[in-house]
């Protein structure tokens, strides 16, 4: 139950930002940490309940390629959960890093028995340029779509937002893009905390009767090495994480953790 935005950043970089909407009774997440998964250093916040994550950043040893993976609940339409499932879909972003490439993951991973989800995969660095892949698993079939990595994009969880609301949120995003042609990470994070202000049910910083609300905001930033040297130190950090769980409508940062991958 989340919102994600993608922005191309510089000649070969990107900013992937994710607002996590969750039930208030769910245990607070662990802030980002870094672990080795095979030959890849992976940084992610962790859900203590399912032991998985909703967003992760990976960097393979000896490679200039940065990969970001982001999860949203639901495939194309809202669904009724039908447990038991083989494992939490929150483990899928971590399982991804056990595969050598996006294509190997798509063709080899066993998606059966997992609740429907949408998975966004961004890859940049080296000589390959940028790649943005959208995977939607409806519980029976996997759909893969290559998105234009040179264009901004927004996704809203279909389990939480109706098609009309998703369309409205897309309108907020495209209007923001029009007024912010060269955005930085602070700009898009402000959008995630202000878009739809006044609409507590459907705004990007949402709260539905204190039962379901936006609990955190995470950004993964990747930019070319020569560009990074000229940027401010905050923008150089691969992941920026803010926990809103104590006061989701505060504009102040309650707890902030920076993790380097």
Protein backbone atom coordinates (compact mmCIF):
# COMPACT_ATOMS: atom_id res chain seq x y z
CA UNK A 1 0.00 0.00 0.00
CA UNK A 2 2.37 2.64 -1.22
CA UNK A 3 3.34 5.37 -3.66
CA UNK A 4 6.52 5.40 -5.73
CA UNK A 5 8.04 7.99 -8.06
CA UNK A 6 10.92 7.72 -10.50
CA UNK A 7 12.98 10.62 -11.83
CA UNK A 8 15.89 10.50 -14.28
CA UNK A 9 18.73 12.39 -12.62
CA UNK A 10 21.61 13.83 -14.62
CA UNK A 11 23.01 12.05 -17.68
CA UNK A 12 22.84 8.53 -16.25
CA UNK A 13 21.34 8.64 -12.77
CA UNK A 14 17.96 8.34 -11.09
CA UNK A 15 15.99 9.11 -7.95
CA UNK A 16 13.52 6.45 -6.78
CA UNK A 17 11.30 7.61 -3.91
CA UNK A 18 8.79 5.51 -1.98
CA UNK A 19 6.09 6.51 0.53
CA UNK A 20 5.14 3.51 2.64
CA UNK A 21 1.49 3.40 3.72
CA UNK A 22 0.78 0.84 6.42
CA UNK A 23 -1.57 -0.13 9.22
CA UNK A 24 -0.77 1.72 12.42
CA UNK A 25 -0.71 -1.55 14.37
CA UNK A 26 2.11 -3.00 12.25
CA UNK A 27 5.47 -3.09 14.08
CA UNK A 28 7.84 -0.23 13.33
CA UNK A 29 10.42 -0.98 10.65
CA UNK A 30 14.14 -1.29 11.26
CA UNK A 31 16.09 1.58 9.65
CA UNK A 32 18.30 0.81 6.64
CA UNK A 33 21.26 -1.48 7.03
CA UNK A 34 23.62 -3.09 4.54
CA UNK A 35 24.15 -6.83 4.04
CA UNK A 36 25.90 -8.94 1.42
CA UNK A 37 23.64 -11.01 -0.79
CA UNK A 38 25.99 -13.05 -2.92
CA UNK A 39 28.37 -10.56 -4.53
CA UNK A 40 26.04 -7.61 -4.03
CA UNK A 41 25.97 -5.14 -1.14
CA UNK A 42 22.29 -4.46 -0.51
CA UNK A 43 20.93 -1.63 1.63
CA UNK A 44 17.32 -1.72 2.81
CA UNK A 45 14.96 -0.92 5.70
CA UNK A 46 13.45 -4.11 7.10
CA UNK A 47 9.93 -5.08 8.09
CA UNK A 48 10.31 -7.09 11.33
CA UNK A 49 7.03 -8.88 10.73
CA UNK A 50 7.75 -10.41 7.32
CA UNK A 51 11.56 -9.99 7.47
CA UNK A 52 11.42 -8.43 4.00
CA UNK A 53 11.44 -4.90 2.64
CA UNK A 54 9.61 -2.55 0.30
CA UNK A 55 12.70 -0.86 -1.19
CA UNK A 56 16.33 -1.88 -1.60
CA UNK A 57 19.48 -0.58 -3.26
CA UNK A 58 22.23 -2.88 -4.49
CA UNK A 59 25.77 -2.50 -5.80
CA UNK A 60 27.63 -5.52 -7.14
CA UNK A 61 31.29 -5.78 -6.12
CA UNK A 62 33.58 -4.45 -8.84
CA UNK A 63 30.69 -2.99 -10.83
CA UNK A 64 29.65 0.59 -11.53
CA UNK A 65 26.01 -0.48 -11.86
CA UNK A 66 23.52 0.63 -9.21
CA UNK A 67 20.23 -1.26 -8.94
CA UNK A 68 17.12 -0.21 -7.02
CA UNK A 69 14.09 -2.41 -6.40
CA UNK A 70 10.76 -1.14 -5.09
CA UNK A 71 7.60 -3.05 -4.13
CA UNK A 72 3.93 -2.01 -4.16
CA UNK A 73 1.03 -4.17 -3.07
CA UNK A 74 -1.31 -5.49 -5.77
CA UNK A 75 -0.96 -6.12 -9.46
CA UNK A 76 -3.46 -4.42 -11.77
CA UNK A 77 -6.57 -4.32 -9.58
CA UNK A 78 -7.44 -4.63 -5.92
CA UNK A 79 -7.77 -8.24 -4.76
CA UNK A 80 -9.01 -10.23 -1.81
CA UNK A 81 -6.10 -11.90 0.02
CA UNK A 82 -6.20 -15.68 -0.13
CA UNK A 83 -3.67 -16.96 2.40
CA UNK A 84 -1.68 -18.98 3.13
CA UNK A 85 1.01 -17.70 0.76
CA UNK A 86 4.37 -19.37 0.17
CA UNK A 87 6.21 -16.40 1.65
CA UNK A 88 5.86 -12.66 2.13
CA UNK A 89 6.06 -10.62 -1.06
CA UNK A 90 8.40 -8.35 0.90
CA UNK A 91 11.10 -10.99 0.41
CA UNK A 92 10.91 -10.63 -3.38
CA UNK A 93 13.08 -7.46 -3.55
CA UNK A 94 15.81 -9.27 -1.59
CA UNK A 95 15.51 -12.45 -3.64
CA UNK A 96 16.03 -10.33 -6.75
CA UNK A 97 19.67 -9.71 -5.80
CA UNK A 98 20.45 -13.42 -5.88
CA UNK A 99 20.11 -13.29 -9.68
CA UNK A 100 22.80 -11.95 -12.03
CA UNK A 101 20.46 -9.77 -14.10
CA UNK A 102 16.92 -8.47 -14.46
CA UNK A 103 16.24 -10.88 -17.31
CA UNK A 104 17.53 -13.87 -15.32
CA UNK A 105 15.22 -12.94 -12.44
CA UNK A 106 12.19 -12.55 -14.71
CA UNK A 107 12.70 -15.86 -16.50
CA UNK A 108 13.84 -18.00 -13.54
CA UNK A 109 12.22 -16.77 -10.31
CA UNK A 110 9.30 -18.80 -8.96
CA UNK A 111 6.43 -16.32 -8.48
CA UNK A 112 3.83 -18.99 -7.66
CA UNK A 113 2.10 -18.86 -4.31
CA UNK A 114 2.90 -15.18 -3.70
CA UNK A 115 0.26 -12.49 -3.16
CA UNK A 116 -0.14 -10.06 -6.12
CA UNK A 117 2.35 -7.21 -6.27
CA UNK A 118 4.04 -4.64 -8.50
CA UNK A 119 7.83 -4.58 -8.60
CA UNK A 120 9.83 -1.67 -10.02
CA UNK A 121 13.46 -2.27 -11.00
CA UNK A 122 15.83 0.56 -11.91
CA UNK A 123 19.35 -0.04 -13.16
CA UNK A 124 21.97 2.56 -14.06
CA UNK A 125 25.71 2.94 -14.40
CA UNK A 126 28.51 1.61 -16.51
CA UNK A 127 27.97 1.56 -20.26
CA UNK A 128 24.41 0.24 -20.17
CA UNK A 129 22.69 3.54 -19.44
CA UNK A 130 19.43 3.52 -17.53
CA UNK A 131 16.80 0.80 -17.48
CA UNK A 132 13.37 0.97 -15.84
CA UNK A 133 11.33 -2.24 -15.63
CA UNK A 134 7.81 -2.67 -14.25
CA UNK A 135 6.75 -6.19 -13.21
CA UNK A 136 3.16 -6.95 -12.23
CA UNK A 137 2.24 -10.31 -10.73
CA UNK A 138 -1.51 -10.94 -10.55
CA UNK A 139 -1.22 -14.22 -8.67
CA UNK A 140 -1.30 -16.32 -11.81
CA UNK A 141 0.77 -14.57 -14.45
CA UNK A 142 3.72 -12.19 -14.62
CA UNK A 143 3.55 -9.09 -16.84
CA UNK A 144 6.76 -7.28 -17.73
CA UNK A 145 6.93 -3.79 -19.20
CA UNK A 146 9.98 -1.77 -20.14
CA UNK A 147 9.31 1.86 -19.22
CA UNK A 148 11.09 4.84 -20.75
CA UNK A 149 13.93 5.57 -18.27
CA UNK A 150 14.27 9.10 -19.61
CA UNK A 151 10.78 10.05 -18.42
CA UNK A 152 9.47 10.63 -14.86
CA UNK A 153 6.82 8.24 -13.56
CA UNK A 154 4.53 7.63 -10.59
CA UNK A 155 2.82 4.50 -9.25
CA UNK A 156 0.15 4.10 -6.58
CA UNK A 157 -0.82 0.83 -4.94
CA UNK A 158 -4.01 -0.57 -6.48
CA UNK A 159 -5.00 -2.16 -3.17
CA UNK A 160 -5.31 1.24 -1.51
CA UNK A 161 -6.24 3.69 -4.25
CA UNK A 162 -9.08 3.44 -6.76
CA UNK A 163 -8.45 4.06 -10.49
CA UNK A 164 -9.98 7.55 -10.19
CA UNK A 165 -7.73 8.42 -7.27
CA UNK A 166 -4.67 7.02 -9.04
CA UNK A 167 -5.52 9.22 -12.03
CA UNK A 168 -5.87 12.24 -9.74
CA UNK A 169 -2.49 11.51 -8.14
CA UNK A 170 -0.89 11.23 -11.56
CA UNK A 171 -2.28 14.69 -12.31
CA UNK A 172 -0.63 16.10 -9.18
CA UNK A 173 2.64 14.53 -10.24
CA UNK A 174 2.64 15.79 -13.81
CA UNK A 175 1.75 19.29 -12.68
CA UNK A 176 4.63 19.15 -10.22
CA UNK A 177 6.99 17.94 -12.99
CA UNK A 178 5.91 20.85 -15.17
CA UNK A 179 6.86 23.34 -12.46
CA UNK A 180 10.06 21.45 -11.50
CA UNK A 181 11.90 20.63 -14.74
CA UNK A 182 15.25 19.96 -13.01
CA UNK A 183 14.36 18.51 -9.61
CA UNK A 184 16.73 17.27 -6.92
CA UNK A 185 16.08 14.73 -4.20
CA UNK A 186 14.82 17.31 -1.69
CA UNK A 187 12.28 18.55 -4.24
CA UNK A 188 10.69 15.16 -4.86
CA UNK A 189 10.69 14.35 -1.16
CA UNK A 190 8.79 17.57 -0.54
CA UNK A 191 6.29 16.50 -3.21
CA UNK A 192 5.77 13.20 -1.38
CA UNK A 193 4.99 15.12 1.80
CA UNK A 194 2.78 17.84 0.32
CA UNK A 195 0.92 16.62 -2.80
CA UNK A 196 -2.82 16.44 -2.23
CA UNK A 197 -2.51 18.44 0.97
CA UNK A 198 -5.92 18.62 2.63
CA UNK A 199 -7.01 15.24 1.25
CA UNK A 200 -6.00 13.06 4.18
CA UNK A 201 -7.60 9.99 2.58
CA UNK A 202 -5.67 10.11 -0.69
CA UNK A 203 -2.83 12.63 -0.40
CA UNK A 204 0.70 11.31 -0.66
CA UNK A 205 1.10 11.88 3.08
CA UNK A 206 -2.11 10.12 4.03
CA UNK A 207 -3.96 9.23 7.22
CA UNK A 208 -7.22 7.28 7.34
CA UNK A 209 -8.56 7.71 10.85
CA UNK A 210 -5.16 6.88 12.38
CA UNK A 211 -5.63 3.26 11.31
CA UNK A 212 -3.81 3.41 7.97
CA UNK A 213 -1.20 6.06 7.29
CA UNK A 214 2.09 6.99 5.69
CA UNK A 215 4.78 5.68 8.03
CA UNK A 216 8.02 6.39 6.17
CA UNK A 217 9.64 7.98 3.14
CA UNK A 218 12.67 6.51 1.39
CA UNK A 219 14.72 7.76 -1.56
CA UNK A 220 17.45 5.97 -3.49
CA UNK A 221 19.77 8.34 -5.34
CA UNK A 222 22.22 7.34 -8.05
CA UNK A 223 24.26 9.71 -10.17
CA UNK A 224 27.39 9.55 -12.29
CA UNK A 225 30.63 9.78 -10.35
CA UNK A 226 31.73 13.05 -12.00
CA UNK A 227 28.31 14.60 -11.30
CA UNK A 228 28.30 13.34 -7.72
CA UNK A 229 31.59 15.07 -6.95
CA UNK A 230 29.99 18.43 -7.78
CA UNK A 231 26.78 17.77 -5.82
CA UNK A 232 26.07 18.38 -2.15
CA UNK A 233 26.90 15.59 0.30
CA UNK A 234 23.22 14.76 1.00
CA UNK A 235 22.54 14.07 -2.69
CA UNK A 236 25.57 11.76 -2.81
CA UNK A 237 24.01 9.34 -0.33
CA UNK A 238 22.46 6.29 -2.06
CA UNK A 239 19.56 6.08 0.42
CA UNK A 240 17.68 8.64 2.50
CA UNK A 241 15.19 7.26 5.01
CA UNK A 242 12.71 9.12 7.21
CA UNK A 243 10.46 7.49 9.77
CA UNK A 244 7.12 9.28 10.24
CA UNK A 245 5.60 6.67 12.53
CA UNK A 246 5.43 8.94 15.57
CA UNK A 247 3.80 11.89 13.78
CA UNK A 248 3.02 11.35 10.10
CA UNK A 249 1.86 14.93 9.47
CA UNK A 250 4.90 16.66 10.92
CA UNK A 251 7.09 18.49 8.44
CA UNK A 252 10.01 17.93 10.80
CA UNK A 253 12.20 14.85 10.45
CA UNK A 254 11.47 12.62 13.45
CA UNK A 255 14.24 10.12 12.86
CA UNK A 256 16.54 10.06 9.88
CA UNK A 257 19.00 7.37 8.90
CA UNK A 258 21.48 7.51 6.04
CA UNK A 259 22.82 4.24 4.73
CA UNK A 260 25.56 3.84 2.17
CA UNK A 261 25.66 0.91 -0.17
